[in-house]
Amino acid sequence: MSLLSALLSPLRPPFRPEPPFTHGQPAANAPRTAVLWCNLGTPDAPETAAVRRYLAEFLSDHRVIEIPKPVWWFILHGIILRTRPAKSAAKYASIWTKEGSPLRVWTEKQAKLLQGWLGERGHNVTVRYAMRYGQPSIGAQLDALKAEGVQRILIVPAYPQYSATSTASVLDAVYAWGQTVRALPELRFVNHYHDDAGYINAVAQRVEAHWKINGRPDALGQTTKLLMSFHGVPERTLHLGDPYHCECHKTARLLAQRLGLQPGQWQLSFQSRLGRAKWLEPYTEPSLIALGKAGVQRVDVVCPGFTSDCLETLEEIAIEGRETFLHAGGKVFNYIPCVNDDPTWITALSEIAQHHLAGWPTQGQGTVDAGVLEAQKQAALDMGAKQ
């Protein structure tokens, strides 16, 4: 920053200008409510340059990587962003669809279905989706909602289990946006829903639909296992107080109970390890190898930590996981898709949102009598407000 910029910076307003406002407009008298459905993010295209931009933003987040910034900066820009983007771009290309990134496609559909479900039940709310990294960003979507007159916003992360690396990072983005805004809307947050009965039931029904065609593990004996694979995080986060590990185990236990499984018929693992540090165990890839070598002929894998299919489920599990298990001696590998746009899941998500919207005016918004509006406008003008 130049000396002139430093001297002039205190004279600049600390907050951005507010959207245009007219006294008596409906939005001012009939507060509108919105839900912002937030997922992790995705590159704009399965290309090296796009993946590099995405990874640079994602891996620069101190919530994701808790290494001292100067040290991590050299590792990230000197090694990772020089080698990883091309490899990741090839993986993204293997799962990319005509509609685009699967994670973006499913997240957008979920937002639209959530608005429809709430609307059918009389809740006049706006539902948008945002990405923590990439586009559309959380800040941009909050700006858009505010410009539309929204005054109450419920933030719902797409992560069932709370983690500082994911859920808290979404909240960081919201707080960072708030530091630039003069007239803040009311804000609420959903921290987790790892043990929500509706969510557990939605995942269970996906598994049961698969078993209806392929057979249940208890009917096929010890040669079949259900593996529940969750995204991993460094083990040190558990010892520092992050509840993620415990919430994953609770989700797995409740899902097994809902499915009527005995302890020997299922197991839990953690995937997507990055770097050489010790992460939560057991790891998914070694677990698949061990199962194959132990004579388990069929493995069904479900990922209860993801609400949308993405690179980590479609490539890391459905493609790489299959190769790993079959190479280790297994015979049949099945990946069970995420809840995505399943009606049971959308119902569960809607009920979660509805619970957290309680007490906010969500029914019949925007229907204010014209005479009331005119009277309120005149009162404001009488008190010195500008037209």
Foldseek 3Di string as FASTA:
>chain_A
DDPVCVVCVVVDDLADDAADDAALAQLVVFAAEAEEEEEADDFQALDLVSQLQQCVVLVQDCLAPVDPNVVVVCCCVVPCSVPPSVVSSVLQVVVADPVGFQVVVLQQLLQVLLCVVCVVVQFAHHGYYAHCTDPPHPLVVVSVCSNVSHQEYEYEYQFQFAFSSGQVSNVVSVVVSVSRHDRHGHYHYDRHNLPPPLLLVLLLVLVVVVCVVVNADVVVDLLEAEEAEEAKGFPVSVVVPTCRVVSSVNSVVVSCVVNVHDPSRYYYAHEDDDDDGHIDDDHLLVVLLVSQLVNNAEYEYEYSRGQTDGSCQVRVCVPVVVVSNVVSHHHYYHYRGHSRVPPSNSVSVSVVVVVRCPPPPRGPGSDDDSVVSVVSSVVCVVVPDDD
